[in-house]
Amino acid sequence: TSGGLIIPDTAKEKPQEGEIVAVGAGAKDEDGDRVA
Protein backbone atom coordinates (compact mmCIF):
# COMPACT_ATOMS: atom_id res chain seq x y z
CA THR A 1 0.00 0.00 0.00
CA SER A 2 1.09 3.64 -0.16
CA GLY A 3 1.74 3.39 3.59
CA GLY A 4 4.15 0.48 3.09
CA LEU A 5 1.93 -2.39 4.23
CA ILE A 6 2.41 -5.63 2.30
CA ILE A 7 -0.79 -7.01 0.76
CA PRO A 8 -1.02 -10.84 0.88
CA ASP A 9 -1.97 -12.68 -2.33
CA THR A 10 -5.30 -13.76 -0.85
CA ALA A 11 -6.37 -10.12 -0.30
CA LYS A 12 -5.21 -8.77 -3.67
CA GLU A 13 -7.67 -7.92 -6.40
CA LYS A 14 -6.81 -8.97 -9.91
CA PRO A 15 -5.22 -6.11 -11.81
CA GLN A 16 -7.33 -4.18 -14.30
CA GLU A 17 -4.29 -3.19 -16.31
CA GLY A 18 -2.70 -5.21 -19.08
CA GLU A 19 -0.57 -5.37 -22.19
CA ILE A 20 -2.06 -6.38 -25.52
CA VAL A 21 -0.34 -9.47 -26.90
CA ALA A 22 -2.33 -9.87 -30.14
CA VAL A 23 -5.29 -8.24 -31.90
CA GLY A 24 -7.90 -9.52 -34.33
CA ALA A 25 -8.45 -8.06 -37.80
CA GLY A 26 -11.44 -5.99 -36.64
CA ALA A 27 -15.20 -6.34 -36.87
CA LYS A 28 -17.13 -5.92 -40.12
CA ASP A 29 -19.74 -3.20 -40.62
CA GLU A 30 -23.12 -3.65 -42.30
CA ASP A 31 -21.54 -3.36 -45.77
CA GLY A 32 -18.97 -6.06 -45.00
CA ASP A 33 -16.04 -3.62 -44.73
CA ARG A 34 -13.49 -4.10 -41.94
CA VAL A 35 -13.56 -1.59 -39.11
CA ALA A 36 -9.95 -0.92 -38.09
All heavy atoms as atom14 arrays in JSON, in Angstrom:
{
  "sequence": "TSGGLIIPDTAKEKPQEGEIVAVGAGAKDEDGDRVA",
  "atom14_mask": [
    [1, 1, 1, 1, 1, 1, 1, 0, 0, 0, 0, 0, 0, 0],
    [1, 1, 1, 1, 1, 1, 0, 0, 0, 0, 0, 0, 0, 0],
    [1, 1, 1, 1, 0, 0, 0, 0, 0, 0, 0, 0, 0, 0],
    [1, 1, 1, 1, 0, 0, 0, 0, 0, 0, 0, 0, 0, 0],
    [1, 1, 1, 1, 1, 1, 1, 1, 0, 0, 0, 0, 0, 0],
    [1, 1, 1, 1, 1, 1, 1, 1, 0, 0, 0, 0, 0, 0],
    [1, 1, 1, 1, 1, 1, 1, 1, 0, 0, 0, 0, 0, 0],
    [1, 1, 1, 1, 1, 1, 1, 0, 0, 0, 0, 0, 0, 0],
    [1, 1, 1, 1, 1, 1, 1, 1, 0, 0, 0, 0, 0, 0],
    [1, 1, 1, 1, 1, 1, 1, 0, 0, 0, 0, 0, 0, 0],
    [1, 1, 1, 1, 1, 0, 0, 0, 0, 0, 0, 0, 0, 0],
    [1, 1, 1, 1, 1, 1, 1, 1, 1, 0, 0, 0, 0, 0],
    [1, 1, 1, 1, 1, 1, 1, 1, 1, 0, 0, 0, 0, 0],
    [1, 1, 1, 1, 1, 1, 1, 1, 1, 0, 0, 0, 0, 0],
    [1, 1, 1, 1, 1, 1, 1, 0, 0, 0, 0, 0, 0, 0],
    [1, 1, 1, 1, 1, 1, 1, 1, 1, 0, 0, 0, 0, 0],
    [1, 1, 1, 1, 1, 1, 1, 1, 1, 0, 0, 0, 0, 0],
    [1, 1, 1, 1, 0, 0, 0, 0, 0, 0, 0, 0, 0, 0],
    [1, 1, 1, 1, 1, 1, 1, 1, 1, 0, 0, 0, 0, 0],
    [1, 1, 1, 1, 1, 1, 1, 1, 0, 0, 0, 0, 0, 0],
    [1, 1, 1, 1, 1, 1, 1, 0, 0, 0, 0, 0, 0, 0],
    [1, 1, 1, 1, 1, 0, 0, 0, 0, 0, 0, 0, 0, 0],
    [1, 1, 1, 1, 1, 1, 1, 0, 0, 0, 0, 0, 0, 0],
    [1, 1, 1, 1, 0, 0, 0, 0, 0, 0, 0, 0, 0, 0],
    [1, 1, 1, 1, 1, 0, 0, 0, 0, 0, 0, 0, 0, 0],
    [1, 1, 1, 1, 0, 0, 0, 0, 0, 0, 0, 0, 0, 0],
    [1, 1, 1, 1, 1, 0, 0, 0, 0, 0, 0, 0, 0, 0],
    [1, 1, 1, 1, 1, 1, 1, 1, 1, 0, 0, 0, 0, 0],
    [1, 1, 1, 1, 1, 1, 1, 1, 0, 0, 0, 0, 0, 0],
    [1, 1, 1, 1, 1, 1, 1, 1, 1, 0, 0, 0, 0, 0],
    [1, 1, 1, 1, 1, 1, 1, 1, 0, 0, 0, 0, 0, 0],
    [1, 1, 1, 1, 0, 0, 0, 0, 0, 0, 0, 0, 0, 0],
    [1, 1, 1, 1, 1, 1, 1, 1, 0, 0, 0, 0, 0, 0],
    [1, 1, 1, 1, 1, 1, 1, 1, 1, 1, 1, 0, 0, 0],
    [1, 1, 1, 1, 1, 1, 1, 0, 0, 0, 0, 0, 0, 0],
    [1, 1, 1, 1, 1, 0, 0, 0, 0, 0, 0, 0, 0, 0]
  ],
  "atom14_positions": [
    [[0.85, -1.18, 0.0], [0.0, 0.0, 0.0], [0.89, 1.24, 0.0], [2.11, 1.14, 0.18], [-0.89, 0.04, 1.26], [-0.06, 0.18, 2.41], [-1.75, -1.2, 1.37], [0.0, 0.0, 0.0], [0.0, 0.0, 0.0], [0.0, 0.0, 0.0], [0.0, 0.0, 0.0], [0.0, 0.0, 0.0], [0.0, 0.0, 0.0], [0.0, 0.0, 0.0]],
    [[0.3, 2.41, -0.18], [1.09, 3.64, -0.16], [1.74, 3.86, 1.2], [2.75, 4.54, 1.3], [0.21, 4.83, -0.54], [-0.88, 4.92, 0.34], [0.0, 0.0, 0.0], [0.0, 0.0, 0.0], [0.0, 0.0, 0.0], [0.0, 0.0, 0.0], [0.0, 0.0, 0.0], [0.0, 0.0, 0.0], [0.0, 0.0, 0.0], [0.0, 0.0, 0.0]],
    [[1.16, 3.27, 2.25], [1.74, 3.39, 3.59], [2.82, 2.36, 3.88], [3.4, 2.35, 4.96], [0.0, 0.0, 0.0], [0.0, 0.0, 0.0], [0.0, 0.0, 0.0], [0.0, 0.0, 0.0], [0.0, 0.0, 0.0], [0.0, 0.0, 0.0], [0.0, 0.0, 0.0], [0.0, 0.0, 0.0], [0.0, 0.0, 0.0], [0.0, 0.0, 0.0]],
    [[3.08, 1.46, 2.93], [4.15, 0.48, 3.09], [3.71, -0.88, 3.59], [4.54, -1.76, 3.8], [0.0, 0.0, 0.0], [0.0, 0.0, 0.0], [0.0, 0.0, 0.0], [0.0, 0.0, 0.0], [0.0, 0.0, 0.0], [0.0, 0.0, 0.0], [0.0, 0.0, 0.0], [0.0, 0.0, 0.0], [0.0, 0.0, 0.0], [0.0, 0.0, 0.0]],
    [[2.42, -1.08, 3.8], [1.93, -2.39, 4.23], [1.95, -3.37, 3.07], [1.56, -3.04, 1.96], [0.51, -2.29, 4.78], [0.32, -1.43, 6.03], [-1.15, -1.3, 6.35], [1.08, -2.01, 7.2], [0.0, 0.0, 0.0], [0.0, 0.0, 0.0], [0.0, 0.0, 0.0], [0.0, 0.0, 0.0], [0.0, 0.0, 0.0], [0.0, 0.0, 0.0]],
    [[2.37, -4.59, 3.34], [2.41, -5.63, 2.3], [1.04, -6.29, 2.22], [0.48, -6.7, 3.23], [3.5, -6.67, 2.59], [4.87, -5.99, 2.55], [3.43, -7.83, 1.6], [6.02, -6.88, 2.95], [0.0, 0.0, 0.0], [0.0, 0.0, 0.0], [0.0, 0.0, 0.0], [0.0, 0.0, 0.0], [0.0, 0.0, 0.0], [0.0, 0.0, 0.0]],
    [[0.52, -6.39, 0.98], [-0.79, -7.01, 0.76], [-0.59, -8.48, 0.42], [0.08, -8.8, -0.56], [-1.53, -6.31, -0.4], [-1.66, -4.81, -0.11], [-2.89, -6.94, -0.63], [-2.14, -4.0, -1.3], [0.0, 0.0, 0.0], [0.0, 0.0, 0.0], [0.0, 0.0, 0.0], [0.0, 0.0, 0.0], [0.0, 0.0, 0.0], [0.0, 0.0, 0.0]],
    [[-1.18, -9.41, 1.2], [-1.02, -10.84, 0.88], [-1.79, -11.19, -0.4], [-2.75, -10.53, -0.77], [-1.63, -11.55, 2.1], [-2.51, -10.54, 2.73], [-1.96, -9.19, 2.41], [0.0, 0.0, 0.0], [0.0, 0.0, 0.0], [0.0, 0.0, 0.0], [0.0, 0.0, 0.0], [0.0, 0.0, 0.0], [0.0, 0.0, 0.0], [0.0, 0.0, 0.0]],
    [[-1.34, -12.25, -1.07], [-1.97, -12.68, -2.33], [-3.46, -12.93, -2.19], [-4.23, -12.65, -3.1], [-1.3, -13.96, -2.86], [0.1, -13.68, -3.4], [0.39, -12.5, -3.7], [0.88, -14.63, -3.52], [0.0, 0.0, 0.0], [0.0, 0.0, 0.0], [0.0, 0.0, 0.0], [0.0, 0.0, 0.0], [0.0, 0.0, 0.0], [0.0, 0.0, 0.0]],
    [[-3.89, -13.44, -1.04], [-5.3, -13.76, -0.85], [-6.18, -12.52, -0.77], [-7.38, -12.59, -1.0], [-5.51, -14.6, 0.43], [-4.93, -13.89, 1.53], [-4.85, -15.96, 0.29], [0.0, 0.0, 0.0], [0.0, 0.0, 0.0], [0.0, 0.0, 0.0], [0.0, 0.0, 0.0], [0.0, 0.0, 0.0], [0.0, 0.0, 0.0], [0.0, 0.0, 0.0]],
    [[-5.6, -11.36, -0.44], [-6.37, -10.12, -0.3], [-6.27, -9.23, -1.53], [-6.97, -8.23, -1.63], [-5.89, -9.35, 0.92], [0.0, 0.0, 0.0], [0.0, 0.0, 0.0], [0.0, 0.0, 0.0], [0.0, 0.0, 0.0], [0.0, 0.0, 0.0], [0.0, 0.0, 0.0], [0.0, 0.0, 0.0], [0.0, 0.0, 0.0], [0.0, 0.0, 0.0]],
    [[-5.4, -9.59, -2.47], [-5.21, -8.77, -3.67], [-6.36, -8.93, -4.63], [-6.89, -10.03, -4.81], [-3.94, -9.19, -4.41], [-2.67, -8.71, -3.8], [-1.54, -9.07, -4.74], [-0.21, -9.05, -4.06], [0.85, -9.53, -4.94], [0.0, 0.0, 0.0], [0.0, 0.0, 0.0], [0.0, 0.0, 0.0], [0.0, 0.0, 0.0], [0.0, 0.0, 0.0]],
    [[-6.72, -7.84, -5.29], [-7.67, -7.92, -6.4], [-6.87, -8.14, -7.67], [-5.71, -7.74, -7.76], [-8.47, -6.62, -6.51], [-9.5, -6.46, -5.42], [-10.46, -5.33, -5.71], [-10.55, -4.9, -6.88], [-11.1, -4.88, -4.77], [0.0, 0.0, 0.0], [0.0, 0.0, 0.0], [0.0, 0.0, 0.0], [0.0, 0.0, 0.0], [0.0, 0.0, 0.0]],
    [[-7.49, -8.78, -8.65], [-6.81, -8.97, -9.91], [-6.62, -7.62, -10.57], [-7.51, -6.77, -10.52], [-7.61, -9.9, -10.81], [-7.62, -11.32, -10.32], [-8.25, -12.24, -11.31], [-8.18, -13.67, -10.82], [-8.79, -14.59, -11.74], [0.0, 0.0, 0.0], [0.0, 0.0, 0.0], [0.0, 0.0, 0.0], [0.0, 0.0, 0.0], [0.0, 0.0, 0.0]],
    [[-5.47, -7.4, -11.19], [-5.22, -6.11, -11.81], [-6.16, -5.85, -12.99], [-6.59, -6.78, -13.67], [-3.77, -6.2, -12.29], [-3.41, -7.63, -12.24], [-4.36, -8.32, -11.32], [0.0, 0.0, 0.0], [0.0, 0.0, 0.0], [0.0, 0.0, 0.0], [0.0, 0.0, 0.0], [0.0, 0.0, 0.0], [0.0, 0.0, 0.0], [0.0, 0.0, 0.0]],
    [[-6.48, -4.59, -13.19], [-7.33, -4.18, -14.3], [-6.49, -3.47, -15.36], [-7.0, -2.67, -16.13], [-8.44, -3.27, -13.79], [-9.41, -4.0, -12.88], [-10.38, -3.05, -12.26], [-10.19, -2.59, -11.14], [-11.43, -2.74, -12.98], [0.0, 0.0, 0.0], [0.0, 0.0, 0.0], [0.0, 0.0, 0.0], [0.0, 0.0, 0.0], [0.0, 0.0, 0.0]],
    [[-5.22, -3.78, -15.36], [-4.29, -3.19, -16.31], [-3.6, -4.34, -17.04], [-3.35, -5.39, -16.46], [-3.26, -2.37, -15.54], [-2.31, -1.6, -16.39], [-1.37, -0.75, -15.54], [-1.75, -0.31, -14.44], [-0.23, -0.56, -15.99], [0.0, 0.0, 0.0], [0.0, 0.0, 0.0], [0.0, 0.0, 0.0], [0.0, 0.0, 0.0], [0.0, 0.0, 0.0]],
    [[-3.34, -4.15, -18.32], [-2.7, -5.21, -19.08], [-1.98, -4.71, -20.3], [-2.03, -3.53, -20.65], [0.0, 0.0, 0.0], [0.0, 0.0, 0.0], [0.0, 0.0, 0.0], [0.0, 0.0, 0.0], [0.0, 0.0, 0.0], [0.0, 0.0, 0.0], [0.0, 0.0, 0.0], [0.0, 0.0, 0.0], [0.0, 0.0, 0.0], [0.0, 0.0, 0.0]],
    [[-1.28, -5.65, -20.94], [-0.57, -5.37, -22.19], [-1.19, -6.23, -23.28], [-1.38, -7.43, -23.08], [0.91, -5.69, -22.04], [1.69, -5.48, -23.31], [3.14, -5.91, -23.19], [3.57, -6.34, -22.1], [3.84, -5.83, -24.2], [0.0, 0.0, 0.0], [0.0, 0.0, 0.0], [0.0, 0.0, 0.0], [0.0, 0.0, 0.0], [0.0, 0.0, 0.0]],
    [[-1.48, -5.63, -24.41], [-2.06, -6.38, -25.52], [-0.98, -7.22, -26.18], [0.08, -6.72, -26.55], [-2.72, -5.43, -26.54], [-3.88, -4.71, -25.88], [-3.17, -6.2, -27.78], [-4.63, -3.77, -26.77], [0.0, 0.0, 0.0], [0.0, 0.0, 0.0], [0.0, 0.0, 0.0], [0.0, 0.0, 0.0], [0.0, 0.0, 0.0], [0.0, 0.0, 0.0]],
    [[-1.26, -8.52, -26.3], [-0.34, -9.47, -26.9], [-0.63, -9.63, -28.39], [0.28, -9.69, -29.21], [-0.43, -10.84, -26.18], [0.47, -11.86, -26.83], [-0.1, -10.68, -24.7], [0.0, 0.0, 0.0], [0.0, 0.0, 0.0], [0.0, 0.0, 0.0], [0.0, 0.0, 0.0], [0.0, 0.0, 0.0], [0.0, 0.0, 0.0], [0.0, 0.0, 0.0]],
    [[-1.92, -9.7, -28.73], [-2.33, -9.87, -30.14], [-3.71, -9.26, -30.34], [-4.49, -9.18, -29.41], [-2.35, -11.36, -30.51], [0.0, 0.0, 0.0], [0.0, 0.0, 0.0], [0.0, 0.0, 0.0], [0.0, 0.0, 0.0], [0.0, 0.0, 0.0], [0.0, 0.0, 0.0], [0.0, 0.0, 0.0], [0.0, 0.0, 0.0], [0.0, 0.0, 0.0]],
    [[-3.99, -8.83, -31.57], [-5.29, -8.24, -31.9], [-5.88, -8.94, -33.12], [-5.15, -9.44, -33.98], [-5.21, -6.73, -32.19], [-4.75, -5.97, -30.97], [-4.3, -6.43, -33.35], [0.0, 0.0, 0.0], [0.0, 0.0, 0.0], [0.0, 0.0, 0.0], [0.0, 0.0, 0.0], [0.0, 0.0, 0.0], [0.0, 0.0, 0.0], [0.0, 0.0, 0.0]],
    [[-7.21, -8.97, -33.17], [-7.9, -9.52, -34.33], [-7.88, -8.52, -35.48], [-7.39, -7.39, -35.34], [0.0, 0.0, 0.0], [0.0, 0.0, 0.0], [0.0, 0.0, 0.0], [0.0, 0.0, 0.0], [0.0, 0.0, 0.0], [0.0, 0.0, 0.0], [0.0, 0.0, 0.0], [0.0, 0.0, 0.0], [0.0, 0.0, 0.0], [0.0, 0.0, 0.0]],
    [[-8.45, -8.91, -36.59], [-8.45, -8.06, -37.8], [-9.47, -6.93, -37.71], [-9.41, -5.98, -38.48], [-8.73, -8.92, -39.03], [0.0, 0.0, 0.0], [0.0, 0.0, 0.0], [0.0, 0.0, 0.0], [0.0, 0.0, 0.0], [0.0, 0.0, 0.0], [0.0, 0.0, 0.0], [0.0, 0.0, 0.0], [0.0, 0.0, 0.0], [0.0, 0.0, 0.0]],
    [[-10.41, -7.01, -36.78], [-11.44, -5.99, -36.64], [-12.79, -6.53, -37.06], [-12.89, -7.47, -37.85], [0.0, 0.0, 0.0], [0.0, 0.0, 0.0], [0.0, 0.0, 0.0], [0.0, 0.0, 0.0], [0.0, 0.0, 0.0], [0.0, 0.0, 0.0], [0.0, 0.0, 0.0], [0.0, 0.0, 0.0], [0.0, 0.0, 0.0], [0.0, 0.0, 0.0]],
    [[-13.84, -5.93, -36.54], [-15.2, -6.34, -36.87], [-15.55, -5.87, -38.28], [-14.84, -5.05, -38.87], [-16.18, -5.75, -35.86], [0.0, 0.0, 0.0], [0.0, 0.0, 0.0], [0.0, 0.0, 0.0], [0.0, 0.0, 0.0], [0.0, 0.0, 0.0], [0.0, 0.0, 0.0], [0.0, 0.0, 0.0], [0.0, 0.0, 0.0], [0.0, 0.0, 0.0]],
    [[-16.65, -6.36, -38.81], [-17.13, -5.92, -40.12], [-18.39, -5.08, -39.91], [-19.21, -5.39, -39.06], [-17.43, -7.11, -41.02], [-16.19, -7.85, -41.45], [-16.5, -8.9, -42.48], [-15.21, -9.58, -42.94], [-15.46, -10.54, -43.99], [0.0, 0.0, 0.0], [0.0, 0.0, 0.0], [0.0, 0.0, 0.0], [0.0, 0.0, 0.0], [0.0, 0.0, 0.0]],
    [[-18.53, -4.02, -40.71], [-19.74, -3.2, -40.62], [-20.85, -3.81, -41.47], [-20.69, -4.91, -42.02], [-19.44, -1.74, -41.01], [-18.99, -1.59, -42.45], [-19.16, -2.52, -43.26], [-18.47, -0.5, -42.78], [0.0, 0.0, 0.0], [0.0, 0.0, 0.0], [0.0, 0.0, 0.0], [0.0, 0.0, 0.0], [0.0, 0.0, 0.0], [0.0, 0.0, 0.0]],
    [[-21.96, -3.12, -41.59], [-23.12, -3.65, -42.3], [-22.85, -3.91, -43.78], [-23.5, -4.74, -44.41], [-24.31, -2.7, -42.14], [-24.83, -2.65, -40.73], [-25.96, -1.66, -40.57], [-26.44, -1.1, -41.58], [-26.37, -1.44, -39.42], [0.0, 0.0, 0.0], [0.0, 0.0, 0.0], [0.0, 0.0, 0.0], [0.0, 0.0, 0.0], [0.0, 0.0, 0.0]],
    [[-21.89, -3.18, -44.36], [-21.54, -3.36, -45.77], [-20.49, -4.44, -45.98], [-20.1, -4.71, -47.11], [-21.03, -2.03, -46.36], [-22.09, -0.94, -46.32], [-23.29, -1.29, -46.47], [-21.74, 0.23, -46.13], [0.0, 0.0, 0.0], [0.0, 0.0, 0.0], [0.0, 0.0, 0.0], [0.0, 0.0, 0.0], [0.0, 0.0, 0.0], [0.0, 0.0, 0.0]],
    [[-19.98, -5.03, -44.89], [-18.97, -6.06, -45.0], [-17.55, -5.53, -45.0], [-16.6, -6.28, -45.18], [0.0, 0.0, 0.0], [0.0, 0.0, 0.0], [0.0, 0.0, 0.0], [0.0, 0.0, 0.0], [0.0, 0.0, 0.0], [0.0, 0.0, 0.0], [0.0, 0.0, 0.0], [0.0, 0.0, 0.0], [0.0, 0.0, 0.0], [0.0, 0.0, 0.0]],
    [[-17.38, -4.22, -44.79], [-16.04, -3.62, -44.73], [-15.47, -3.76, -43.33], [-16.2, -3.66, -42.34], [-16.1, -2.14, -45.12], [-16.58, -1.94, -46.55], [-16.24, -2.77, -47.41], [-17.31, -0.95, -46.79], [0.0, 0.0, 0.0], [0.0, 0.0, 0.0], [0.0, 0.0, 0.0], [0.0, 0.0, 0.0], [0.0, 0.0, 0.0], [0.0, 0.0, 0.0]],
    [[-14.16, -3.97, -43.23], [-13.49, -4.1, -41.94], [-13.44, -2.75, -41.23], [-13.14, -1.73, -41.83], [-12.04, -4.56, -42.1], [-11.88, -6.0, -42.38], [-11.78, -6.82, -41.11], [-11.66, -8.2, -41.54], [-12.2, -9.22, -40.93], [-12.84, -9.04, -39.82], [-12.1, -10.42, -41.42], [0.0, 0.0, 0.0], [0.0, 0.0, 0.0], [0.0, 0.0, 0.0]],
    [[-13.72, -2.77, -39.95], [-13.56, -1.59, -39.11], [-12.22, -1.75, -38.4], [-12.01, -2.72, -37.67], [-14.71, -1.49, -38.07], [-14.5, -0.31, -37.15], [-16.05, -1.42, -38.78], [0.0, 0.0, 0.0], [0.0, 0.0, 0.0], [0.0, 0.0, 0.0], [0.0, 0.0, 0.0], [0.0, 0.0, 0.0], [0.0, 0.0, 0.0], [0.0, 0.0, 0.0]],
    [[-11.3, -0.82, -38.64], [-9.95, -0.92, -38.09], [-9.98, -0.88, -36.56], [-10.8, -0.19, -35.95], [-9.09, 0.22, -38.61], [0.0, 0.0, 0.0], [0.0, 0.0, 0.0], [0.0, 0.0, 0.0], [0.0, 0.0, 0.0], [0.0, 0.0, 0.0], [0.0, 0.0, 0.0], [0.0, 0.0, 0.0], [0.0, 0.0, 0.0], [0.0, 0.0, 0.0]]
  ]
}
